[in-house]
Every structure is written in structure tokens, then in C-alpha cells.
Amino acid sequence: MLDQPGPPLAISWTVCAIPPIGMLAYLAVGWRRNKPSERVAALV
């Protein structure tokens, strides 16, 4: 059996997960600041 090339798999997955987690945090902050539910209620 050959050795795995590159970094350990757990480190690779952790590094790859950083951008999506950052994007979700960014969207959550924007959602909380804008309160879209209040704007929808005003339109109805």
C-alpha cells in the first residue's frame, strides 16, 4: 500500500471547510443586521 500524498486528510478537510464556514458566518451577520422578516411584514 502506498503512503498518502500531501497533508493528513483531517487537516485537508479542515482547511477546505474554512471558506464555507466563513461564508455562512458572513450571511448570518448580514441577515441579523438587515432583519428581512420586518421588511416582508411591511410589504404585506
PDB file of N, CA and C in Angstrom:
ATOM      1  N   MET A   1       0.843  -1.180   0.000  1.00  0.00           N
ATOM      2  CA  MET A   1       0.000   0.000   0.000  1.00  0.00           C
ATOM      3  C   MET A   1       0.890   1.247   0.000  1.00  0.00           C
ATOM      4  N   LEU A   2       0.521   2.227  -0.814  1.00  0.00           N
ATOM      5  CA  LEU A   2       1.315   3.446  -0.917  1.00  0.00           C
ATOM      6  C   LEU A   2       0.944   4.428   0.197  1.00  0.00           C
ATOM      7  N   ASP A   3       1.904   5.256   0.559  1.00  0.00           N
ATOM      8  CA  ASP A   3       1.638   6.325   1.521  1.00  0.00           C
ATOM      9  C   ASP A   3       0.756   7.389   0.874  1.00  0.00           C
ATOM     10  N   GLN A   4      -0.037   8.027   1.697  1.00  0.00           N
ATOM     11  CA  GLN A   4      -0.911   9.085   1.194  1.00  0.00           C
ATOM     12  C   GLN A   4      -0.072  10.313   0.851  1.00  0.00           C
ATOM     13  N   PRO A   5      -0.235  10.856  -0.352  1.00  0.00           N
ATOM     14  CA  PRO A   5       0.497  12.080  -0.684  1.00  0.00           C
ATOM     15  C   PRO A   5      -0.146  13.288  -0.009  1.00  0.00           C
ATOM     16  N   GLY A   6       0.636  14.287   0.249  1.00  0.00           N
ATOM     17  CA  GLY A   6       0.111  15.536   0.806  1.00  0.00           C
ATOM     18  C   GLY A   6      -0.101  15.471   2.302  1.00  0.00           C
ATOM     19  N   PRO A   7      -0.811  16.475   2.826  1.00  0.00           N
ATOM     20  CA  PRO A   7      -1.035  16.555   4.275  1.00  0.00           C
ATOM     21  C   PRO A   7      -2.032  15.490   4.729  1.00  0.00           C
ATOM     22  N   PRO A   8      -2.113  15.247   6.038  1.00  0.00           N
ATOM     23  CA  PRO A   8      -3.125  14.306   6.551  1.00  0.00           C
ATOM     24  C   PRO A   8      -4.530  14.730   6.145  1.00  0.00           C
ATOM     25  N   LEU A   9      -5.392  13.765   5.990  1.00  0.00           N
ATOM     26  CA  LEU A   9      -6.733  14.024   5.465  1.00  0.00           C
ATOM     27  C   LEU A   9      -7.537  14.967   6.353  1.00  0.00           C
ATOM     28  N   ALA A  10      -7.416  14.843   7.665  1.00  0.00           N
ATOM     29  CA  ALA A  10      -8.180  15.712   8.569  1.00  0.00           C
ATOM     30  C   ALA A  10      -7.785  17.176   8.390  1.00  0.00           C
ATOM     31  N   ILE A  11      -6.498  17.428   8.205  1.00  0.00           N
ATOM     32  CA  ILE A  11      -6.040  18.812   8.001  1.00  0.00           C
ATOM     33  C   ILE A  11      -6.568  19.347   6.672  1.00  0.00           C
ATOM     34  N   SER A  12      -6.545  18.533   5.649  1.00  0.00           N
ATOM     35  CA  SER A  12      -7.058  18.957   4.344  1.00  0.00           C
ATOM     36  C   SER A  12      -8.532  19.336   4.436  1.00  0.00           C
ATOM     37  N   TRP A  13      -9.328  18.507   5.094  1.00  0.00           N
ATOM     38  CA  TRP A  13     -10.753  18.791   5.217  1.00  0.00           C
ATOM     39  C   TRP A  13     -10.992  20.043   6.040  1.00  0.00           C
ATOM     40  N   THR A  14     -10.206  20.241   7.089  1.00  0.00           N
ATOM     41  CA  THR A  14     -10.366  21.426   7.925  1.00  0.00           C
ATOM     42  C   THR A  14     -10.073  22.691   7.129  1.00  0.00           C
ATOM     43  N   VAL A  15      -8.997  22.687   6.356  1.00  0.00           N
ATOM     44  CA  VAL A  15      -8.627  23.856   5.556  1.00  0.00           C
ATOM     45  C   VAL A  15      -9.684  24.121   4.480  1.00  0.00           C
ATOM     46  N   CYS A  16     -10.218  23.065   3.878  1.00  0.00           N
ATOM     47  CA  CYS A  16     -11.238  23.234   2.837  1.00  0.00           C
ATOM     48  C   CYS A  16     -12.568  23.704   3.410  1.00  0.00           C
ATOM     49  N   ALA A  17     -12.817  23.454   4.689  1.00  0.00           N
ATOM     50  CA  ALA A  17     -14.094  23.832   5.294  1.00  0.00           C
ATOM     51  C   ALA A  17     -14.110  25.288   5.737  1.00  0.00           C
ATOM     52  N   ILE A  18     -12.957  25.944   5.798  1.00  0.00           N
ATOM     53  CA  ILE A  18     -12.907  27.326   6.289  1.00  0.00           C
ATOM     54  C   ILE A  18     -13.709  28.290   5.403  1.00  0.00           C
ATOM     55  N   PRO A  19     -13.558  28.290   4.079  1.00  0.00           N
ATOM     56  CA  PRO A  19     -14.336  29.248   3.260  1.00  0.00           C
ATOM     57  C   PRO A  19     -15.857  29.098   3.388  1.00  0.00           C
ATOM     58  N   PRO A  20     -16.423  27.882   3.338  1.00  0.00           N
ATOM     59  CA  PRO A  20     -17.885  27.793   3.504  1.00  0.00           C
ATOM     60  C   PRO A  20     -18.360  28.250   4.879  1.00  0.00           C
ATOM     61  N   ILE A  21     -17.580  27.949   5.919  1.00  0.00           N
ATOM     62  CA  ILE A  21     -17.960  28.384   7.259  1.00  0.00           C
ATOM     63  C   ILE A  21     -17.920  29.909   7.344  1.00  0.00           C
ATOM     64  N   GLY A  22     -16.897  30.513   6.734  1.00  0.00           N
ATOM     65  CA  GLY A  22     -16.806  31.973   6.709  1.00  0.00           C
ATOM     66  C   GLY A  22     -17.963  32.597   5.950  1.00  0.00           C
ATOM     67  N   MET A  23     -18.355  31.973   4.843  1.00  0.00           N
ATOM     68  CA  MET A  23     -19.473  32.497   4.064  1.00  0.00           C
ATOM     69  C   MET A  23     -20.770  32.421   4.868  1.00  0.00           C
ATOM     70  N   LEU A  24     -20.992  31.316   5.580  1.00  0.00           N
ATOM     71  CA  LEU A  24     -22.198  31.194   6.390  1.00  0.00           C
ATOM     72  C   LEU A  24     -22.213  32.223   7.520  1.00  0.00           C
ATOM     73  N   ALA A  25     -21.065  32.469   8.114  1.00  0.00           N
ATOM     74  CA  ALA A  25     -20.990  33.480   9.177  1.00  0.00           C
ATOM     75  C   ALA A  25     -21.290  34.871   8.610  1.00  0.00           C
ATOM     76  N   TYR A  26     -20.744  35.163   7.436  1.00  0.00           N
ATOM     77  CA  TYR A  26     -20.988  36.452   6.781  1.00  0.00           C
ATOM     78  C   TYR A  26     -22.475  36.636   6.472  1.00  0.00           C
ATOM     79  N   LEU A  27     -23.111  35.602   5.949  1.00  0.00           N
ATOM     80  CA  LEU A  27     -24.536  35.685   5.634  1.00  0.00           C
ATOM     81  C   LEU A  27     -25.376  35.810   6.902  1.00  0.00           C
ATOM     82  N   ALA A  28     -24.974  35.117   7.962  1.00  0.00           N
ATOM     83  CA  ALA A  28     -25.727  35.201   9.215  1.00  0.00           C
ATOM     84  C   ALA A  28     -25.661  36.611   9.796  1.00  0.00           C
ATOM     85  N   VAL A  29     -24.490  37.229   9.741  1.00  0.00           N
ATOM     86  CA  VAL A  29     -24.351  38.597  10.246  1.00  0.00           C
ATOM     87  C   VAL A  29     -25.197  39.549   9.404  1.00  0.00           C
ATOM     88  N   GLY A  30     -25.136  39.403   8.093  1.00  0.00           N
ATOM     89  CA  GLY A  30     -25.947  40.255   7.217  1.00  0.00           C
ATOM     90  C   GLY A  30     -27.436  40.060   7.441  1.00  0.00           C
ATOM     91  N   TRP A  31     -27.842  38.814   7.656  1.00  0.00           N
ATOM     92  CA  TRP A  31     -29.253  38.509   7.899  1.00  0.00           C
ATOM     93  C   TRP A  31     -29.716  39.163   9.195  1.00  0.00           C
ATOM     94  N   ARG A  32     -28.900  39.086  10.233  1.00  0.00           N
ATOM     95  CA  ARG A  32     -29.295  39.658  11.530  1.00  0.00           C
ATOM     96  C   ARG A  32     -29.307  41.181  11.487  1.00  0.00           C
ATOM     97  N   ARG A  33     -28.406  41.773  10.718  1.00  0.00           N
ATOM     98  CA  ARG A  33     -28.374  43.244  10.655  1.00  0.00           C
ATOM     99  C   ARG A  33     -29.533  43.800   9.848  1.00  0.00           C
ATOM    100  N   ASN A  34     -29.931  43.121   8.782  1.00  0.00           N
ATOM    101  CA  ASN A  34     -30.976  43.647   7.898  1.00  0.00           C
ATOM    102  C   ASN A  34     -32.384  43.273   8.332  1.00  0.00           C
ATOM    103  N   LYS A  35     -32.550  42.240   9.108  1.00  0.00           N
ATOM    104  CA  LYS A  35     -33.862  41.775   9.580  1.00  0.00           C
ATOM    105  C   LYS A  35     -34.868  41.721   8.426  1.00  0.00           C
ATOM    106  N   PRO A  36     -34.676  40.795   7.481  1.00  0.00           N
ATOM    107  CA  PRO A  36     -35.572  40.746   6.319  1.00  0.00           C
ATOM    108  C   PRO A  36     -37.020  40.424   6.690  1.00  0.00           C
ATOM    109  N   SER A  37     -37.261  39.769   7.815  1.00  0.00           N
ATOM    110  CA  SER A  37     -38.653  39.443   8.180  1.00  0.00           C
ATOM    111  C   SER A  37     -39.466  40.712   8.434  1.00  0.00           C
ATOM    112  N   GLU A  38     -38.837  41.753   8.986  1.00  0.00           N
ATOM    113  CA  GLU A  38     -39.549  43.007   9.218  1.00  0.00           C
ATOM    114  C   GLU A  38     -39.925  43.680   7.895  1.00  0.00           C
ATOM    115  N   ARG A  39     -39.024  43.599   6.918  1.00  0.00           N
ATOM    116  CA  ARG A  39     -39.319  44.218   5.622  1.00  0.00           C
ATOM    117  C   ARG A  39     -40.428  43.477   4.900  1.00  0.00           C
ATOM    118  N   VAL A  40     -40.447  42.164   5.008  1.00  0.00           N
ATOM    119  CA  VAL A  40     -41.504  41.380   4.376  1.00  0.00           C
ATOM    120  C   VAL A  40     -42.838  41.715   5.025  1.00  0.00           C
ATOM    121  N   ALA A  41     -42.859  41.853   6.339  1.00  0.00           N
ATOM    122  CA  ALA A  41     -44.095  42.186   7.040  1.00  0.00           C
ATOM    123  C   ALA A  41     -44.605  43.576   6.606  1.00  0.00           C
ATOM    124  N   ALA A  42     -43.687  44.505   6.323  1.00  0.00           N
ATOM    125  CA  ALA A  42     -44.086  45.840   5.906  1.00  0.00           C
ATOM    126  C   ALA A  42     -44.682  45.825   4.496  1.00  0.00           C
ATOM    127  N   LEU A  43     -44.247  44.884   3.673  1.00  0.00           N
ATOM    128  CA  LEU A  43     -44.766  44.805   2.311  1.00  0.00           C
ATOM    129  C   LEU A  43     -46.144  44.178   2.258  1.00  0.00           C
ATOM    130  N   VAL A  44     -46.468  43.357   3.233  1.00  0.00           N
ATOM    131  CA  VAL A  44     -47.731  42.611   3.192  1.00  0.00           C
ATOM    132  C   VAL A  44     -48.874  43.400   3.713  1.00  0.00           C
TER     133      VAL A  44
END
